Amino acid sequence: MGGNGRGDRRVPNGIALIIPAYNEEHNITRVLDVALVSPVLGRIIVVDDGSADATAKVAASFPGVEVIRQPNKGKAGAMHAGVEATTEDILLFLDADLKGLTTQHIADLIAPVAEGRCDMTMGLFYGPPHPSRWAHRVSPSLSGQRAVKRQVFGLLKNYGNLGYGIETGFTKLVKRGMIKMERVRMDGVSQLMKEEKYGFIDGAKLRVRMFYEVVRTRLSRPYKT
């Protein structure tokens, strides 16, 4: 568990990775192991969103990883904390429970934004049947794997309060023509479902909360006019 013995190899280059994390001590190692050997990342930040487990301790054991701890504020609240802690022009967001992630996936997510082809990318899982891949077929816009130009967040109103509706807020920006987005295939990647991580009852409660926050955002105008 923890560091990889490579030392602090972070060289700021205008791209920061932000990982919102809630009770992910058993999963976040897989993502950090890959992120630390990615040549395109300048900073790696884990936002521990009020975890009751050792998520922050595990993340801090990786040399070069910055950890922000805060009371639980939800998905968008954790993203907001990461954005406020950075000055980089491009921000990459990855979920903390990904399986099968590679440095090529990271590079593929960042390239279209870094090359100026779009303002945001959205990563979609592909591979053998898996519940998280099915979810991306049914509701691709809810993917949390994104590379985003910093200025995109300035187009949203109080985005830190959107919770799981943050991705829906991004979708509204795309549909209104306020930003341009490209989809990126993430072959071989999947993630744990909430019921797998937290048990059926607690996982179901989080899923209900997620759907509520998504619907709430869909029925609102989260963008600035």
Protein backbone atom coordinates (compact mmCIF):
# COMPACT_ATOMS: atom_id res chain seq x y z
CA MET A 1 0.00 0.00 0.00
CA GLY A 2 1.24 3.50 -0.72
CA GLY A 3 4.30 4.97 -2.41
CA ASN A 4 6.28 3.54 -5.23
CA GLY A 5 9.79 4.59 -4.29
CA ARG A 6 10.17 6.97 -7.21
CA GLY A 7 10.39 10.10 -5.11
CA ASP A 8 8.77 13.43 -5.93
CA ARG A 9 8.80 13.58 -9.73
CA ARG A 10 6.08 16.20 -10.15
CA VAL A 11 7.16 18.95 -12.55
CA PRO A 12 4.42 21.57 -13.06
CA ASN A 13 3.48 21.74 -16.75
CA GLY A 14 0.02 23.27 -16.80
CA ILE A 15 -1.97 20.07 -16.20
CA ALA A 16 -3.27 19.00 -12.80
CA LEU A 17 -5.06 15.79 -11.88
CA ILE A 18 -7.81 16.12 -9.27
CA ILE A 19 -9.27 12.98 -7.69
CA PRO A 20 -12.41 13.48 -5.56
CA ALA A 21 -12.44 10.65 -3.02
CA TYR A 22 -14.89 9.44 -0.39
CA ASN A 23 -14.01 6.28 1.58
CA GLU A 24 -11.71 4.94 -1.13
CA GLU A 25 -8.78 3.59 0.92
CA HIS A 26 -9.04 0.17 -0.77
CA ASN A 27 -9.30 1.51 -4.32
CA ILE A 28 -7.36 4.74 -4.79
CA THR A 29 -3.95 3.03 -4.88
CA ARG A 30 -4.64 1.65 -8.37
CA VAL A 31 -5.30 5.11 -9.77
CA LEU A 32 -2.37 6.80 -8.04
CA ASP A 33 0.08 4.12 -9.15
CA VAL A 34 -0.76 4.96 -12.76
CA ALA A 35 -0.99 8.73 -12.30
CA LEU A 36 2.47 8.93 -10.76
CA VAL A 37 4.13 7.49 -13.85
CA SER A 38 2.18 9.60 -16.32
CA PRO A 39 4.57 12.01 -18.10
CA VAL A 40 1.83 14.53 -18.89
CA LEU A 41 0.70 15.43 -15.37
CA GLY A 42 2.19 18.36 -13.49
CA ARG A 43 0.34 17.89 -10.19
CA ILE A 44 -1.75 15.21 -8.53
CA ILE A 45 -4.30 16.28 -5.93
CA VAL A 46 -6.60 14.03 -3.92
CA VAL A 47 -9.56 15.73 -2.27
CA ASP A 48 -10.68 13.61 0.69
CA ASP A 49 -14.35 14.56 0.97
CA GLY A 50 -15.03 13.72 4.61
CA SER A 51 -13.97 10.07 4.44
CA ALA A 52 -14.38 7.96 7.57
CA ASP A 53 -11.59 5.59 6.52
CA ALA A 54 -7.88 5.99 5.74
CA THR A 55 -8.29 7.49 2.27
CA ALA A 56 -6.25 10.60 3.13
CA LYS A 57 -3.50 8.59 4.81
CA VAL A 58 -3.18 6.22 1.86
CA ALA A 59 -3.06 9.09 -0.64
CA ALA A 60 -0.50 11.02 1.42
CA SER A 61 1.79 7.99 1.47
CA PHE A 62 2.47 8.51 -2.24
CA PRO A 63 5.42 10.88 -2.79
CA GLY A 64 4.36 13.95 -4.75
CA VAL A 65 0.62 13.57 -4.13
CA GLU A 66 -1.08 16.55 -2.51
CA VAL A 67 -4.00 15.81 -0.20
CA ILE A 68 -6.83 18.19 0.69
CA ARG A 69 -9.12 17.15 3.55
CA GLN A 70 -12.54 18.68 4.02
CA PRO A 71 -15.93 17.87 5.57
CA ASN A 72 -18.23 15.97 3.23
CA LYS A 73 -19.50 18.39 0.57
CA GLY A 74 -20.36 15.95 -2.19
CA LYS A 75 -18.84 15.29 -5.61
CA ALA A 76 -18.96 18.85 -6.92
CA GLY A 77 -17.81 20.25 -3.58
CA ALA A 78 -14.70 18.08 -3.75
CA MET A 79 -14.07 19.15 -7.34
CA HIS A 80 -14.46 22.80 -6.34
CA ALA A 81 -11.85 22.41 -3.60
CA GLY A 82 -9.43 20.94 -6.12
CA VAL A 83 -10.05 23.69 -8.66
CA GLU A 84 -9.54 26.40 -6.02
CA ALA A 85 -6.22 24.82 -5.00
CA THR A 86 -4.81 24.97 -8.53
CA THR A 87 -3.76 27.49 -11.15
CA GLU A 88 -3.18 25.03 -13.99
CA ASP A 89 -4.88 25.69 -17.33
CA ILE A 90 -6.10 22.10 -17.83
CA LEU A 91 -7.67 20.04 -15.06
CA LEU A 92 -8.07 16.28 -15.32
CA PHE A 93 -10.68 14.59 -13.13
CA LEU A 94 -10.65 10.87 -12.46
CA ASP A 95 -12.76 8.78 -10.10
CA ALA A 96 -10.83 7.12 -7.29
CA ASP A 97 -12.12 3.59 -7.91
CA LEU A 98 -11.08 2.97 -11.51
CA LYS A 99 -9.84 -0.41 -12.68
CA GLY A 100 -7.74 -0.94 -15.79
CA LEU A 101 -6.52 2.67 -16.06
CA THR A 102 -3.29 3.23 -18.00
CA THR A 103 -1.08 6.23 -18.76
CA GLN A 104 -2.37 6.06 -22.34
CA HIS A 105 -5.92 6.65 -21.12
CA ILE A 106 -4.69 9.73 -19.27
CA ALA A 107 -2.86 11.02 -22.33
CA ASP A 108 -5.90 10.35 -24.56
CA LEU A 109 -8.19 12.32 -22.26
CA ILE A 110 -5.86 15.31 -22.15
CA ALA A 111 -4.67 15.52 -25.77
CA PRO A 112 -7.81 16.98 -27.44
CA VAL A 113 -7.96 19.76 -24.84
CA ALA A 114 -4.22 20.44 -24.83
CA GLU A 115 -4.23 20.61 -28.64
CA GLY A 116 -7.07 23.13 -28.62
CA ARG A 117 -9.62 20.90 -30.37
CA CYS A 118 -12.17 21.21 -27.58
CA ASP A 119 -12.82 22.63 -24.13
CA MET A 120 -13.53 19.29 -22.46
CA THR A 121 -13.22 15.57 -22.99
CA MET A 122 -15.45 12.86 -21.54
CA GLY A 123 -14.06 9.36 -21.06
CA LEU A 124 -16.32 6.37 -21.73
CA PHE A 125 -15.61 2.80 -20.67
CA TYR A 126 -15.40 0.01 -23.26
CA GLY A 127 -14.65 -3.68 -22.89
CA PRO A 128 -16.26 -6.95 -21.74
CA PRO A 129 -19.71 -6.63 -20.14
CA HIS A 130 -19.58 -4.87 -16.77
CA PRO A 131 -22.22 -2.82 -14.90
CA SER A 132 -20.17 0.39 -15.08
CA ARG A 133 -19.72 -0.05 -18.84
CA TRP A 134 -23.43 -0.64 -19.26
CA ALA A 135 -24.02 2.57 -17.30
CA HIS A 136 -21.87 4.46 -19.80
CA ARG A 137 -23.97 3.11 -22.65
CA VAL A 138 -27.21 4.18 -20.94
CA SER A 139 -26.08 7.51 -19.44
CA PRO A 140 -22.72 8.47 -20.95
CA SER A 141 -23.04 12.07 -19.81
CA LEU A 142 -22.62 11.02 -16.16
CA SER A 143 -19.01 9.94 -16.66
CA GLY A 144 -16.65 11.53 -14.14
CA GLN A 145 -13.55 11.05 -16.29
CA ARG A 146 -12.95 14.50 -17.76
CA ALA A 147 -10.19 16.82 -18.92
CA VAL A 148 -11.45 20.39 -18.63
CA LYS A 149 -10.16 23.83 -19.49
CA ARG A 150 -10.08 25.90 -16.35
CA GLN A 151 -12.35 28.62 -17.73
CA VAL A 152 -15.22 26.15 -18.15
CA PHE A 153 -15.93 26.33 -14.43
CA GLY A 154 -16.46 30.07 -14.75
CA LEU A 155 -19.50 29.36 -16.92
CA LEU A 156 -21.35 27.55 -14.12
CA LYS A 157 -23.19 29.12 -11.18
CA ASN A 158 -22.20 27.86 -7.72
CA TYR A 159 -20.98 24.61 -9.26
CA GLY A 160 -19.63 23.41 -5.92
CA ASN A 161 -23.23 22.87 -4.79
CA LEU A 162 -24.27 20.65 -7.71
CA GLY A 163 -23.19 17.38 -6.07
CA TYR A 164 -23.45 14.45 -8.48
CA GLY A 165 -25.17 16.84 -10.88
CA ILE A 166 -21.89 18.48 -11.88
CA GLU A 167 -21.55 16.35 -15.04
CA THR A 168 -25.12 17.24 -15.97
CA GLY A 169 -24.11 20.87 -15.63
CA PHE A 170 -21.30 20.25 -18.12
CA THR A 171 -23.77 18.62 -20.50
CA LYS A 172 -25.97 21.69 -20.40
CA LEU A 173 -23.01 23.87 -21.36
CA VAL A 174 -22.37 21.61 -24.35
CA LYS A 175 -26.02 21.59 -25.46
CA ARG A 176 -26.18 25.37 -25.26
CA GLY A 177 -23.09 25.67 -27.43
CA MET A 178 -21.10 27.32 -24.65
CA ILE A 179 -18.29 24.76 -24.82
CA LYS A 180 -17.09 22.07 -27.21
CA MET A 181 -16.61 18.49 -26.00
CA GLU A 182 -15.07 15.30 -27.42
CA ARG A 183 -15.73 11.75 -26.28
CA VAL A 184 -12.74 9.51 -25.58
CA ARG A 185 -12.78 5.70 -25.53
CA MET A 186 -11.27 4.17 -22.39
CA ASP A 187 -10.89 0.56 -23.46
CA GLY A 188 -10.49 -1.92 -20.61
CA VAL A 189 -11.49 0.54 -17.89
CA SER A 190 -14.30 -0.04 -15.40
CA GLN A 191 -15.12 1.02 -11.87
CA LEU A 192 -16.77 -0.38 -8.78
CA MET A 193 -20.47 0.18 -8.34
CA LYS A 194 -21.62 1.93 -5.18
CA GLU A 195 -23.33 -1.21 -3.90
CA GLU A 196 -20.05 -3.14 -4.24
CA LYS A 197 -18.11 -0.59 -2.23
CA TYR A 198 -20.52 0.35 0.51
CA GLY A 199 -22.93 -2.58 0.72
CA PHE A 200 -26.39 -2.80 -0.79
CA ILE A 201 -28.25 -0.47 1.59
CA ASP A 202 -25.65 2.31 1.88
CA GLY A 203 -24.82 2.00 -1.81
CA ALA A 204 -28.48 2.28 -2.72
CA LYS A 205 -28.83 5.40 -0.57
CA LEU A 206 -25.92 7.02 -2.37
CA ARG A 207 -27.40 6.05 -5.72
CA VAL A 208 -30.73 7.67 -4.80
CA ARG A 209 -28.83 10.79 -3.75
CA MET A 210 -26.98 10.77 -7.06
CA PHE A 211 -30.16 10.51 -9.12
CA TYR A 212 -31.79 13.26 -7.07
CA GLU A 213 -28.87 15.64 -7.63
CA VAL A 214 -28.73 14.80 -11.34
CA VAL A 215 -32.45 15.42 -11.82
CA ARG A 216 -32.27 18.61 -9.77
CA THR A 217 -29.55 19.93 -12.07
CA ARG A 218 -31.45 18.88 -15.19
CA LEU A 219 -34.43 20.90 -14.04
CA SER A 220 -32.34 23.98 -13.25
CA ARG A 221 -30.19 26.50 -15.09
CA PRO A 222 -26.71 25.91 -13.62
CA TYR A 223 -25.02 28.04 -16.27
CA LYS A 224 -24.40 31.77 -16.24
CA THR A 225 -26.39 33.82 -18.71
